[in-house]
Amino acid sequence: MTKGSSGSTSNSNSGSGSGSGSGTSGSGGGYTYTSSGTNSQGNHYCSRDYGSSASNSNSYHYSNANGSYYYSNPNGSTYYNSGNGYSRYNSGN
């Protein structure tokens, strides 16, 4: 099923990404896609619902045209990569 979507995410220490466009809603691998898209600047995002048993049931990631990307994972951890040598991981525990 295809649906229109829009959204934005930001992290003050790690840049930001936002987007709108058409995305796919579906499921697989224990999650359901809730939204995804790419904006006119080439920044991509994807949001997934892992259900109530996950520490972070509404996980997402974004990747920016400048090479940076950010993940908020279902186990509560986060990962940021600047695209130019800096990265940060937080276990969420």
Protein backbone atom coordinates (compact mmCIF):
# COMPACT_ATOMS: atom_id res chain seq x y z
CA MET A 1 0.00 0.00 0.00
CA THR A 2 1.37 3.43 -0.87
CA LYS A 3 0.54 6.57 1.06
CA GLY A 4 1.66 10.17 1.18
CA SER A 5 3.71 11.14 4.19
CA SER A 6 5.62 13.97 5.69
CA GLY A 7 7.79 14.36 8.72
CA SER A 8 10.92 15.78 10.20
CA THR A 9 13.48 14.79 12.73
CA SER A 10 16.29 16.69 14.32
CA ASN A 11 19.02 16.23 16.87
CA SER A 12 20.70 19.40 18.08
CA ASN A 13 24.10 17.71 18.33
CA SER A 14 23.92 15.84 15.09
CA GLY A 15 22.30 17.85 12.35
CA SER A 16 18.78 17.34 11.14
CA GLY A 17 16.78 15.72 8.42
CA SER A 18 13.30 16.25 7.15
CA GLY A 19 11.26 15.09 4.24
CA SER A 20 8.00 14.55 2.58
CA GLY A 21 6.91 12.38 -0.27
CA SER A 22 5.37 9.07 -1.08
CA GLY A 23 6.29 6.09 0.97
CA THR A 24 5.37 2.49 1.47
CA SER A 25 3.40 1.11 4.34
CA GLY A 26 3.91 -2.57 4.99
CA SER A 27 5.42 -5.06 7.34
CA GLY A 28 8.27 -7.50 7.60
CA GLY A 29 10.98 -8.52 9.99
CA GLY A 30 8.81 -7.87 13.06
CA TYR A 31 7.96 -4.27 12.21
CA THR A 32 5.51 -2.19 10.22
CA TYR A 33 6.64 0.75 8.08
CA THR A 34 4.76 3.81 9.29
CA SER A 35 6.23 6.45 6.97
CA SER A 36 9.15 7.18 4.69
CA GLY A 37 10.16 9.70 2.09
CA THR A 38 12.79 11.96 0.58
CA ASN A 39 12.59 15.73 0.41
CA SER A 40 13.77 18.04 -2.36
CA GLN A 41 17.21 18.38 -0.72
CA GLY A 42 17.74 14.61 -0.96
CA ASN A 43 17.29 13.91 2.78
CA HIS A 44 15.63 10.55 3.44
CA TYR A 45 13.73 9.29 6.47
CA CYS A 46 11.99 6.06 7.41
CA SER A 47 9.86 5.32 10.46
CA ARG A 48 8.97 1.82 11.70
CA ASP A 49 6.68 0.51 14.43
CA TYR A 50 8.13 -2.50 16.28
CA GLY A 51 5.16 -2.96 18.61
CA SER A 52 4.73 -2.64 22.33
CA SER A 53 7.39 -5.23 23.25
CA ALA A 54 10.24 -3.04 21.92
CA SER A 55 11.99 -0.55 24.21
CA ASN A 56 11.49 2.06 21.49
CA SER A 57 8.50 0.87 19.48
CA ASN A 58 8.54 3.82 17.04
CA SER A 59 12.05 3.63 15.67
CA TYR A 60 13.31 5.71 12.78
CA HIS A 61 16.36 6.66 10.80
CA TYR A 62 17.30 9.49 8.54
CA SER A 63 20.11 10.05 6.11
CA ASN A 64 21.07 13.42 4.71
CA ALA A 65 22.48 14.42 1.36
CA ASN A 66 25.68 15.55 3.12
CA GLY A 67 26.41 11.93 4.11
CA SER A 68 25.32 12.13 7.76
CA TYR A 69 22.81 9.69 9.21
CA TYR A 70 21.03 8.94 12.48
CA TYR A 71 19.33 5.80 13.79
CA SER A 72 16.92 5.48 16.71
CA ASN A 73 16.70 1.71 17.22
CA PRO A 74 13.98 -0.54 18.71
CA ASN A 75 16.25 -1.58 21.60
CA GLY A 76 16.51 2.05 22.75
CA SER A 77 19.99 2.67 21.35
CA THR A 78 20.88 5.53 19.02
CA TYR A 79 23.65 5.92 16.47
CA TYR A 80 24.83 9.04 14.66
CA ASN A 81 27.45 9.31 11.93
CA SER A 82 28.46 12.72 10.61
CA GLY A 83 29.66 11.37 7.28
CA ASN A 84 33.07 12.92 7.82
CA GLY A 85 34.70 10.78 10.50
CA TYR A 86 32.68 11.47 13.65
CA SER A 87 30.24 8.93 15.07
CA ARG A 88 28.43 8.49 18.35
CA TYR A 89 26.64 5.44 19.80
CA ASN A 90 24.38 5.44 22.86
CA SER A 91 23.34 2.03 24.17
CA GLY A 92 20.11 3.39 25.65
CA ASN A 93 20.72 1.55 28.92
